[in-house]
Amino acid sequence: MRAHDGYTWTMQCERCGERAAEIFQTQRLDDKSYHRDLCSLCAKVDYGVFLGALLQSQAPGALPLTAEDEREVRRVLDEAAPPKDES
């Protein structure tokens, strides 16, 4: 999504649509590329969820993830994955 601020064109965050995208992710799967553009706030939320879960799962004696934590991690991973169907 692109927006014009009167001076220049900027890419808008694909998640919130409210802020300019600053993080441009690209994934390659076979011969296709997939792109996701996020503002820094949305990217930090995703990275925080993922890294927090990873650290918790690796820490000796840490409590297991709650069902809510697991759903949030799944949401982050699903949104970062390439689309399943392009038809």
N, C-alpha and C. Protein backbone atom coordinates (compact mmCIF):
# COMPACT_ATOMS: atom_id res chain seq x y z
N MET A 1 0.85 -1.16 0.00
CA MET A 1 0.00 0.00 0.00
C MET A 1 0.90 1.23 0.00
N ARG A 2 0.60 2.15 -0.88
CA ARG A 2 1.39 3.38 -0.97
C ARG A 2 0.55 4.57 -0.57
N ALA A 3 1.19 5.56 0.03
CA ALA A 3 0.50 6.79 0.42
C ALA A 3 1.34 7.98 -0.01
N HIS A 4 0.67 9.06 -0.29
CA HIS A 4 1.36 10.28 -0.71
C HIS A 4 1.18 11.32 0.39
N ASP A 5 2.29 11.85 0.90
CA ASP A 5 2.20 12.84 1.98
C ASP A 5 2.25 14.28 1.46
N GLY A 6 2.10 14.45 0.18
CA GLY A 6 2.16 15.79 -0.40
C GLY A 6 3.51 16.08 -1.03
N TYR A 7 4.51 15.32 -0.63
CA TYR A 7 5.86 15.52 -1.15
C TYR A 7 6.41 14.26 -1.81
N THR A 8 6.23 13.13 -1.15
CA THR A 8 6.79 11.88 -1.64
C THR A 8 5.79 10.74 -1.45
N TRP A 9 6.05 9.65 -2.15
CA TRP A 9 5.27 8.42 -1.96
C TRP A 9 5.96 7.58 -0.91
N THR A 10 5.20 7.01 0.01
CA THR A 10 5.76 6.11 1.01
C THR A 10 4.97 4.82 1.02
N MET A 11 5.62 3.75 1.41
CA MET A 11 4.95 2.46 1.58
C MET A 11 4.34 2.44 2.97
N GLN A 12 3.08 2.05 3.06
CA GLN A 12 2.41 1.95 4.34
C GLN A 12 2.57 0.54 4.90
N CYS A 13 2.52 0.44 6.20
CA CYS A 13 2.59 -0.85 6.88
C CYS A 13 1.42 -1.72 6.42
N GLU A 14 1.72 -2.97 6.06
CA GLU A 14 0.69 -3.88 5.59
C GLU A 14 -0.18 -4.41 6.73
N ARG A 15 0.26 -4.26 7.97
CA ARG A 15 -0.54 -4.74 9.10
C ARG A 15 -1.48 -3.66 9.60
N CYS A 16 -0.95 -2.53 10.03
CA CYS A 16 -1.80 -1.50 10.64
C CYS A 16 -2.30 -0.47 9.63
N GLY A 17 -1.55 -0.24 8.55
CA GLY A 17 -1.94 0.74 7.55
C GLY A 17 -1.88 2.18 8.03
N GLU A 18 -1.36 2.39 9.23
CA GLU A 18 -1.34 3.73 9.82
C GLU A 18 0.00 4.42 9.73
N ARG A 19 1.07 3.66 9.67
CA ARG A 19 2.41 4.24 9.68
C ARG A 19 3.19 3.80 8.45
N ALA A 20 4.23 4.54 8.16
CA ALA A 20 5.09 4.21 7.02
C ALA A 20 5.86 2.92 7.33
N ALA A 21 5.97 2.08 6.32
CA ALA A 21 6.75 0.84 6.47
C ALA A 21 8.22 1.18 6.54
N GLU A 22 8.91 0.52 7.44
CA GLU A 22 10.36 0.69 7.60
C GLU A 22 11.10 -0.62 7.51
N ILE A 23 10.37 -1.73 7.66
CA ILE A 23 10.96 -3.07 7.63
C ILE A 23 10.41 -3.76 6.39
N PHE A 24 11.28 -4.13 5.49
CA PHE A 24 10.88 -4.74 4.22
C PHE A 24 11.41 -6.17 4.19
N GLN A 25 10.52 -7.13 4.39
CA GLN A 25 10.90 -8.53 4.45
C GLN A 25 10.66 -9.19 3.10
N THR A 26 11.60 -10.03 2.71
CA THR A 26 11.46 -10.79 1.48
C THR A 26 11.79 -12.24 1.77
N GLN A 27 10.94 -13.13 1.30
CA GLN A 27 11.19 -14.57 1.41
C GLN A 27 11.19 -15.16 0.02
N ARG A 28 12.07 -16.11 -0.18
CA ARG A 28 12.08 -16.85 -1.44
C ARG A 28 11.66 -18.27 -1.15
N LEU A 29 10.74 -18.76 -1.95
CA LEU A 29 10.30 -20.14 -1.86
C LEU A 29 10.30 -20.67 -3.28
N ASP A 30 11.20 -21.61 -3.54
CA ASP A 30 11.42 -22.11 -4.90
C ASP A 30 11.78 -20.93 -5.81
N ASP A 31 11.00 -20.68 -6.84
CA ASP A 31 11.35 -19.60 -7.76
C ASP A 31 10.51 -18.35 -7.55
N LYS A 32 9.81 -18.25 -6.42
CA LYS A 32 8.95 -17.10 -6.15
C LYS A 32 9.46 -16.30 -4.96
N SER A 33 9.20 -15.00 -5.00
CA SER A 33 9.53 -14.11 -3.89
C SER A 33 8.24 -13.58 -3.28
N TYR A 34 8.24 -13.44 -1.97
CA TYR A 34 7.10 -12.91 -1.23
C TYR A 34 7.61 -11.74 -0.39
N HIS A 35 6.84 -10.67 -0.34
CA HIS A 35 7.26 -9.47 0.36
C HIS A 35 6.24 -9.09 1.42
N ARG A 36 6.72 -8.53 2.50
CA ARG A 36 5.87 -8.02 3.57
C ARG A 36 6.53 -6.76 4.10
N ASP A 37 5.80 -5.66 4.12
CA ASP A 37 6.32 -4.37 4.55
C ASP A 37 5.63 -3.96 5.85
N LEU A 38 6.43 -3.73 6.90
CA LEU A 38 5.87 -3.41 8.21
C LEU A 38 6.49 -2.13 8.76
N CYS A 39 5.72 -1.43 9.58
CA CYS A 39 6.29 -0.31 10.33
C CYS A 39 7.13 -0.90 11.46
N SER A 40 7.96 -0.09 12.07
CA SER A 40 8.85 -0.62 13.11
C SER A 40 8.05 -1.13 14.31
N LEU A 41 6.94 -0.50 14.65
CA LEU A 41 6.16 -0.93 15.80
C LEU A 41 5.56 -2.32 15.58
N CYS A 42 4.95 -2.56 14.42
CA CYS A 42 4.38 -3.88 14.13
C CYS A 42 5.48 -4.94 14.04
N ALA A 43 6.61 -4.61 13.45
CA ALA A 43 7.72 -5.56 13.35
C ALA A 43 8.25 -5.92 14.73
N LYS A 44 8.37 -4.92 15.61
CA LYS A 44 8.87 -5.18 16.97
C LYS A 44 7.93 -6.09 17.73
N VAL A 45 6.62 -5.91 17.54
CA VAL A 45 5.66 -6.78 18.22
C VAL A 45 5.88 -8.22 17.76
N ASP A 46 5.96 -8.43 16.45
CA ASP A 46 6.17 -9.79 15.92
C ASP A 46 7.48 -10.38 16.40
N TYR A 47 8.56 -9.64 16.28
CA TYR A 47 9.86 -10.16 16.69
C TYR A 47 9.90 -10.42 18.19
N GLY A 48 9.25 -9.56 18.95
CA GLY A 48 9.21 -9.74 20.40
C GLY A 48 8.48 -11.01 20.78
N VAL A 49 7.35 -11.26 20.14
CA VAL A 49 6.56 -12.47 20.42
C VAL A 49 7.39 -13.70 20.08
N PHE A 50 7.98 -13.70 18.89
CA PHE A 50 8.73 -14.87 18.45
C PHE A 50 9.98 -15.11 19.31
N LEU A 51 10.76 -14.06 19.52
CA LEU A 51 12.00 -14.23 20.30
C LEU A 51 11.70 -14.55 21.76
N GLY A 52 10.65 -13.95 22.31
CA GLY A 52 10.28 -14.26 23.69
C GLY A 52 9.93 -15.73 23.85
N ALA A 53 9.16 -16.26 22.91
CA ALA A 53 8.77 -17.67 22.97
C ALA A 53 9.99 -18.57 22.79
N LEU A 54 10.88 -18.20 21.89
CA LEU A 54 12.08 -18.99 21.67
C LEU A 54 12.96 -19.01 22.92
N LEU A 55 13.17 -17.86 23.52
CA LEU A 55 13.98 -17.80 24.74
C LEU A 55 13.34 -18.59 25.88
N GLN A 56 12.02 -18.45 26.02
CA GLN A 56 11.34 -19.18 27.09
C GLN A 56 11.44 -20.69 26.87
N SER A 57 11.36 -21.13 25.64
CA SER A 57 11.42 -22.57 25.38
C SER A 57 12.81 -23.14 25.62
N GLN A 58 13.84 -22.30 25.57
CA GLN A 58 15.21 -22.76 25.75
C GLN A 58 15.73 -22.59 27.17
N ALA A 59 15.02 -21.84 28.01
CA ALA A 59 15.50 -21.55 29.36
C ALA A 59 15.22 -22.71 30.29
N PRO A 60 16.26 -23.23 30.95
CA PRO A 60 16.05 -24.33 31.89
C PRO A 60 15.10 -23.90 33.02
N GLY A 61 14.11 -24.72 33.30
CA GLY A 61 13.19 -24.45 34.40
C GLY A 61 12.10 -23.44 34.07
N ALA A 62 12.08 -22.90 32.85
CA ALA A 62 11.04 -21.93 32.49
C ALA A 62 9.69 -22.62 32.35
N LEU A 63 8.66 -21.89 32.69
CA LEU A 63 7.30 -22.42 32.54
C LEU A 63 7.00 -22.63 31.06
N PRO A 64 6.19 -23.62 30.73
CA PRO A 64 5.82 -23.80 29.31
C PRO A 64 4.94 -22.64 28.85
N LEU A 65 4.88 -22.47 27.54
CA LEU A 65 4.04 -21.43 26.98
C LEU A 65 2.57 -21.72 27.30
N THR A 66 1.82 -20.68 27.57
CA THR A 66 0.39 -20.85 27.78
C THR A 66 -0.29 -21.04 26.43
N ALA A 67 -1.54 -21.46 26.44
CA ALA A 67 -2.29 -21.62 25.19
C ALA A 67 -2.37 -20.29 24.45
N GLU A 68 -2.55 -19.18 25.18
CA GLU A 68 -2.61 -17.86 24.56
C GLU A 68 -1.27 -17.50 23.92
N ASP A 69 -0.16 -17.80 24.62
CA ASP A 69 1.17 -17.56 24.06
C ASP A 69 1.37 -18.36 22.77
N GLU A 70 0.95 -19.61 22.79
CA GLU A 70 1.10 -20.47 21.61
C GLU A 70 0.28 -19.93 20.43
N ARG A 71 -0.92 -19.45 20.69
CA ARG A 71 -1.75 -18.86 19.62
C ARG A 71 -1.08 -17.62 19.03
N GLU A 72 -0.50 -16.79 19.87
CA GLU A 72 0.16 -15.57 19.40
C GLU A 72 1.40 -15.90 18.57
N VAL A 73 2.17 -16.90 19.00
CA VAL A 73 3.33 -17.33 18.22
C VAL A 73 2.86 -17.87 16.87
N ARG A 74 1.80 -18.67 16.84
CA ARG A 74 1.27 -19.22 15.60
C ARG A 74 0.81 -18.10 14.68
N ARG A 75 0.17 -17.06 15.23
CA ARG A 75 -0.28 -15.92 14.42
C ARG A 75 0.91 -15.24 13.76
N VAL A 76 1.97 -15.01 14.52
CA VAL A 76 3.16 -14.35 13.98
C VAL A 76 3.78 -15.20 12.87
N LEU A 77 3.91 -16.50 13.11
CA LEU A 77 4.50 -17.38 12.10
C LEU A 77 3.62 -17.48 10.86
N ASP A 78 2.31 -17.57 11.05
CA ASP A 78 1.40 -17.67 9.90
C ASP A 78 1.44 -16.40 9.05
N GLU A 79 1.50 -15.24 9.70
CA GLU A 79 1.54 -13.98 8.94
C GLU A 79 2.86 -13.79 8.19
N ALA A 80 3.92 -14.39 8.71
CA ALA A 80 5.22 -14.25 8.06
C ALA A 80 5.40 -15.26 6.92
N ALA A 81 4.57 -16.29 6.91
CA ALA A 81 4.71 -17.33 5.89
C ALA A 81 4.19 -16.87 4.54
N PRO A 82 4.75 -17.41 3.47
CA PRO A 82 4.22 -17.11 2.13
C PRO A 82 2.77 -17.57 2.04
N PRO A 83 1.98 -16.92 1.18
CA PRO A 83 0.58 -17.33 1.02
C PRO A 83 0.48 -18.79 0.55
N LYS A 84 -0.53 -19.47 1.04
CA LYS A 84 -0.72 -20.87 0.69
C LYS A 84 -1.36 -21.03 -0.69
N ASP A 85 -2.22 -20.12 -1.05
CA ASP A 85 -2.96 -20.23 -2.30
C ASP A 85 -2.93 -18.89 -3.00
N GLU A 86 -2.46 -18.89 -4.23
CA GLU A 86 -2.36 -17.64 -5.00
C GLU A 86 -3.42 -17.51 -6.06
N SER A 87 -4.40 -18.40 -6.06
CA SER A 87 -5.43 -18.36 -7.11
C SER A 87 -6.47 -17.29 -6.84
